[in-house]
Amino acid sequence: MNDAAFDLQRRIHAGIPLSRAINFWVTTLGDTVIEVEAPLAPNINVHGTGFAGSLYALGILTAWGLCSHLIHQAELAADLVEA
């Protein structure tokens, strides 16, 4: 994990407590790419597969993370808010 990925990870965990509950991690962060992971164990459903709510959260956290990173890289004075 590079410094940018670690910083984004820290900001996500600080601002979005659910990310800690699903054990969300930014594993790779580049100029236009993000890779994340969340283990199955804390996100499992009764069928032994990924819980839909956790999968949705994983997707939204990933999209928010990359967009937030792009805003930061562009040095824009902006906040990213999901509506």
N, C-alpha and C. Protein backbone atom coordinates (compact mmCIF):
# COMPACT_ATOMS: atom_id res chain seq x y z
N MET A 1 0.85 -1.17 0.00
CA MET A 1 0.00 0.00 0.00
C MET A 1 0.90 1.24 0.00
N ASN A 2 0.67 2.15 -0.96
CA ASN A 2 1.46 3.38 -1.00
C ASN A 2 0.89 4.43 -0.05
N ASP A 3 1.59 5.55 0.08
CA ASP A 3 1.16 6.60 1.02
C ASP A 3 -0.21 7.15 0.68
N ALA A 4 -0.49 7.34 -0.61
CA ALA A 4 -1.80 7.87 -1.02
C ALA A 4 -2.91 6.89 -0.65
N ALA A 5 -2.67 5.61 -0.85
CA ALA A 5 -3.67 4.59 -0.49
C ALA A 5 -3.89 4.56 1.01
N PHE A 6 -2.80 4.66 1.77
CA PHE A 6 -2.90 4.67 3.23
C PHE A 6 -3.68 5.89 3.71
N ASP A 7 -3.40 7.07 3.12
CA ASP A 7 -4.10 8.29 3.51
C ASP A 7 -5.59 8.18 3.18
N LEU A 8 -5.91 7.69 2.00
CA LEU A 8 -7.32 7.52 1.62
C LEU A 8 -7.99 6.52 2.55
N GLN A 9 -7.33 5.42 2.85
CA GLN A 9 -7.85 4.42 3.77
C GLN A 9 -8.17 5.04 5.13
N ARG A 10 -7.26 5.83 5.63
CA ARG A 10 -7.45 6.49 6.92
C ARG A 10 -8.64 7.45 6.88
N ARG A 11 -8.76 8.24 5.80
CA ARG A 11 -9.87 9.18 5.69
C ARG A 11 -11.21 8.45 5.59
N ILE A 12 -11.24 7.36 4.85
CA ILE A 12 -12.49 6.59 4.73
C ILE A 12 -12.87 5.99 6.07
N HIS A 13 -11.94 5.37 6.76
CA HIS A 13 -12.25 4.76 8.06
C HIS A 13 -12.66 5.81 9.09
N ALA A 14 -12.04 6.99 9.04
CA ALA A 14 -12.39 8.05 9.99
C ALA A 14 -13.77 8.63 9.72
N GLY A 15 -14.11 8.78 8.45
CA GLY A 15 -15.36 9.44 8.10
C GLY A 15 -16.55 8.53 7.87
N ILE A 16 -16.28 7.25 7.62
CA ILE A 16 -17.35 6.31 7.28
C ILE A 16 -17.15 5.04 8.12
N PRO A 17 -17.68 5.03 9.35
CA PRO A 17 -17.45 3.90 10.26
C PRO A 17 -17.83 2.53 9.68
N LEU A 18 -18.81 2.48 8.81
CA LEU A 18 -19.21 1.21 8.21
C LEU A 18 -18.03 0.54 7.50
N SER A 19 -17.12 1.35 6.97
CA SER A 19 -15.97 0.79 6.25
C SER A 19 -15.12 -0.10 7.16
N ARG A 20 -15.04 0.26 8.44
CA ARG A 20 -14.30 -0.59 9.39
C ARG A 20 -15.08 -1.87 9.67
N ALA A 21 -16.39 -1.77 9.77
CA ALA A 21 -17.22 -2.93 10.09
C ALA A 21 -17.14 -4.00 9.00
N ILE A 22 -17.05 -3.58 7.73
CA ILE A 22 -16.96 -4.57 6.65
C ILE A 22 -15.51 -4.92 6.33
N ASN A 23 -14.56 -4.31 7.08
CA ASN A 23 -13.13 -4.56 6.91
C ASN A 23 -12.66 -4.17 5.51
N PHE A 24 -13.08 -2.98 5.08
CA PHE A 24 -12.75 -2.41 3.77
C PHE A 24 -11.32 -1.91 3.77
N TRP A 25 -10.54 -2.30 2.76
CA TRP A 25 -9.15 -1.86 2.65
C TRP A 25 -8.84 -1.41 1.23
N VAL A 26 -8.14 -0.30 1.11
CA VAL A 26 -7.62 0.15 -0.18
C VAL A 26 -6.27 -0.54 -0.35
N THR A 27 -6.16 -1.40 -1.34
CA THR A 27 -4.91 -2.15 -1.52
C THR A 27 -4.00 -1.51 -2.55
N THR A 28 -4.58 -0.82 -3.54
CA THR A 28 -3.80 -0.16 -4.58
C THR A 28 -4.50 1.14 -4.94
N LEU A 29 -3.73 2.20 -5.09
CA LEU A 29 -4.28 3.48 -5.52
C LEU A 29 -3.30 4.14 -6.46
N GLY A 30 -3.74 4.38 -7.68
CA GLY A 30 -2.91 5.06 -8.68
C GLY A 30 -3.62 6.31 -9.16
N ASP A 31 -3.10 6.91 -10.22
CA ASP A 31 -3.70 8.14 -10.73
C ASP A 31 -5.17 7.96 -11.12
N THR A 32 -5.48 6.85 -11.74
CA THR A 32 -6.87 6.61 -12.18
C THR A 32 -7.35 5.20 -11.87
N VAL A 33 -6.72 4.56 -10.90
CA VAL A 33 -7.09 3.19 -10.56
C VAL A 33 -7.13 3.01 -9.04
N ILE A 34 -8.08 2.21 -8.62
CA ILE A 34 -8.17 1.86 -7.20
C ILE A 34 -8.51 0.37 -7.12
N GLU A 35 -7.86 -0.31 -6.21
CA GLU A 35 -8.19 -1.71 -5.91
C GLU A 35 -8.46 -1.79 -4.42
N VAL A 36 -9.53 -2.50 -4.07
CA VAL A 36 -9.93 -2.61 -2.68
C VAL A 36 -10.23 -4.07 -2.36
N GLU A 37 -10.37 -4.33 -1.07
CA GLU A 37 -10.79 -5.67 -0.66
C GLU A 37 -11.61 -5.57 0.62
N ALA A 38 -12.45 -6.53 0.80
CA ALA A 38 -13.22 -6.71 2.03
C ALA A 38 -13.44 -8.21 2.16
N PRO A 39 -12.95 -8.82 3.21
CA PRO A 39 -13.05 -10.28 3.34
C PRO A 39 -14.50 -10.75 3.48
N LEU A 40 -14.74 -11.96 3.06
CA LEU A 40 -16.09 -12.52 3.10
C LEU A 40 -16.60 -12.70 4.52
N ALA A 41 -15.76 -13.11 5.44
CA ALA A 41 -16.22 -13.48 6.79
C ALA A 41 -17.12 -12.44 7.46
N PRO A 42 -16.75 -11.16 7.52
CA PRO A 42 -17.65 -10.21 8.18
C PRO A 42 -18.80 -9.75 7.29
N ASN A 43 -18.85 -10.23 6.06
CA ASN A 43 -19.84 -9.76 5.09
C ASN A 43 -20.67 -10.89 4.50
N ILE A 44 -20.72 -12.01 5.19
CA ILE A 44 -21.37 -13.21 4.68
C ILE A 44 -22.87 -13.20 4.95
N ASN A 45 -23.62 -13.82 4.06
CA ASN A 45 -25.06 -13.96 4.28
C ASN A 45 -25.40 -15.42 4.62
N VAL A 46 -26.68 -15.70 4.76
CA VAL A 46 -27.10 -17.05 5.17
C VAL A 46 -26.81 -18.11 4.11
N HIS A 47 -26.50 -17.69 2.90
CA HIS A 47 -26.20 -18.63 1.81
C HIS A 47 -24.71 -18.86 1.63
N GLY A 48 -23.90 -18.21 2.49
CA GLY A 48 -22.45 -18.37 2.40
C GLY A 48 -21.81 -17.51 1.32
N THR A 49 -22.55 -16.55 0.81
CA THR A 49 -22.01 -15.63 -0.19
C THR A 49 -22.00 -14.22 0.39
N GLY A 50 -21.54 -13.27 -0.40
CA GLY A 50 -21.46 -11.89 0.07
C GLY A 50 -22.83 -11.28 0.30
N PHE A 51 -23.01 -10.66 1.44
CA PHE A 51 -24.25 -9.97 1.79
C PHE A 51 -24.43 -8.80 0.83
N ALA A 52 -25.62 -8.66 0.25
CA ALA A 52 -25.87 -7.63 -0.77
C ALA A 52 -25.56 -6.23 -0.25
N GLY A 53 -25.92 -5.94 0.97
CA GLY A 53 -25.64 -4.62 1.53
C GLY A 53 -24.16 -4.34 1.62
N SER A 54 -23.38 -5.35 1.97
CA SER A 54 -21.93 -5.19 2.03
C SER A 54 -21.35 -5.00 0.64
N LEU A 55 -21.86 -5.74 -0.33
CA LEU A 55 -21.37 -5.59 -1.71
C LEU A 55 -21.69 -4.19 -2.24
N TYR A 56 -22.88 -3.69 -1.94
CA TYR A 56 -23.24 -2.33 -2.34
C TYR A 56 -22.30 -1.33 -1.68
N ALA A 57 -22.09 -1.48 -0.37
CA ALA A 57 -21.20 -0.57 0.36
C ALA A 57 -19.79 -0.62 -0.22
N LEU A 58 -19.32 -1.79 -0.56
CA LEU A 58 -17.99 -1.95 -1.15
C LEU A 58 -17.89 -1.17 -2.46
N GLY A 59 -18.91 -1.29 -3.30
CA GLY A 59 -18.91 -0.56 -4.57
C GLY A 59 -18.95 0.94 -4.38
N ILE A 60 -19.81 1.42 -3.49
CA ILE A 60 -19.93 2.86 -3.25
C ILE A 60 -18.67 3.41 -2.61
N LEU A 61 -18.10 2.70 -1.63
CA LEU A 61 -16.86 3.15 -1.01
C LEU A 61 -15.72 3.22 -2.03
N THR A 62 -15.69 2.27 -2.94
CA THR A 62 -14.66 2.25 -3.97
C THR A 62 -14.82 3.44 -4.92
N ALA A 63 -16.03 3.67 -5.39
CA ALA A 63 -16.29 4.79 -6.31
C ALA A 63 -16.02 6.12 -5.60
N TRP A 64 -16.51 6.26 -4.37
CA TRP A 64 -16.29 7.49 -3.61
C TRP A 64 -14.79 7.71 -3.39
N GLY A 65 -14.09 6.63 -3.05
CA GLY A 65 -12.66 6.73 -2.80
C GLY A 65 -11.88 7.21 -4.02
N LEU A 66 -12.18 6.65 -5.19
CA LEU A 66 -11.46 7.07 -6.39
C LEU A 66 -11.81 8.51 -6.75
N CYS A 67 -13.09 8.87 -6.69
CA CYS A 67 -13.48 10.25 -6.99
C CYS A 67 -12.85 11.23 -6.00
N SER A 68 -12.83 10.88 -4.74
CA SER A 68 -12.21 11.72 -3.72
C SER A 68 -10.71 11.88 -4.00
N HIS A 69 -10.07 10.81 -4.38
CA HIS A 69 -8.65 10.84 -4.72
C HIS A 69 -8.41 11.76 -5.93
N LEU A 70 -9.24 11.67 -6.95
CA LEU A 70 -9.08 12.51 -8.14
C LEU A 70 -9.25 13.99 -7.79
N ILE A 71 -10.21 14.30 -6.93
CA ILE A 71 -10.42 15.68 -6.48
C ILE A 71 -9.18 16.18 -5.73
N HIS A 72 -8.66 15.33 -4.86
CA HIS A 72 -7.46 15.69 -4.08
C HIS A 72 -6.26 15.90 -5.01
N GLN A 73 -6.07 15.01 -5.98
CA GLN A 73 -4.95 15.10 -6.92
C GLN A 73 -5.03 16.38 -7.75
N ALA A 74 -6.25 16.79 -8.09
CA ALA A 74 -6.44 18.00 -8.90
C ALA A 74 -6.36 19.27 -8.05
N GLU A 75 -6.18 19.09 -6.74
CA GLU A 75 -6.08 20.20 -5.79
C GLU A 75 -7.29 21.13 -5.87
N LEU A 76 -8.47 20.51 -6.02
CA LEU A 76 -9.71 21.27 -6.04
C LEU A 76 -10.20 21.50 -4.61
N ALA A 77 -10.76 22.65 -4.38
CA ALA A 77 -11.38 22.95 -3.07
C ALA A 77 -12.82 22.47 -3.15
N ALA A 78 -13.02 21.17 -2.97
CA ALA A 78 -14.35 20.58 -3.14
C ALA A 78 -14.53 19.43 -2.17
N ASP A 79 -15.77 19.16 -1.85
CA ASP A 79 -16.13 17.99 -1.06
C ASP A 79 -17.00 17.09 -1.92
N LEU A 80 -16.83 15.82 -1.76
CA LEU A 80 -17.62 14.84 -2.50
C LEU A 80 -18.71 14.32 -1.59
N VAL A 81 -19.96 14.52 -1.98
CA VAL A 81 -21.10 14.11 -1.18
C VAL A 81 -21.99 13.21 -2.02
N GLU A 82 -22.33 12.05 -1.46
CA GLU A 82 -23.25 11.16 -2.15
C GLU A 82 -24.67 11.59 -1.81
N ALA A 83 -25.45 11.82 -2.84
CA ALA A 83 -26.84 12.25 -2.63
C ALA A 83 -27.80 11.11 -2.90
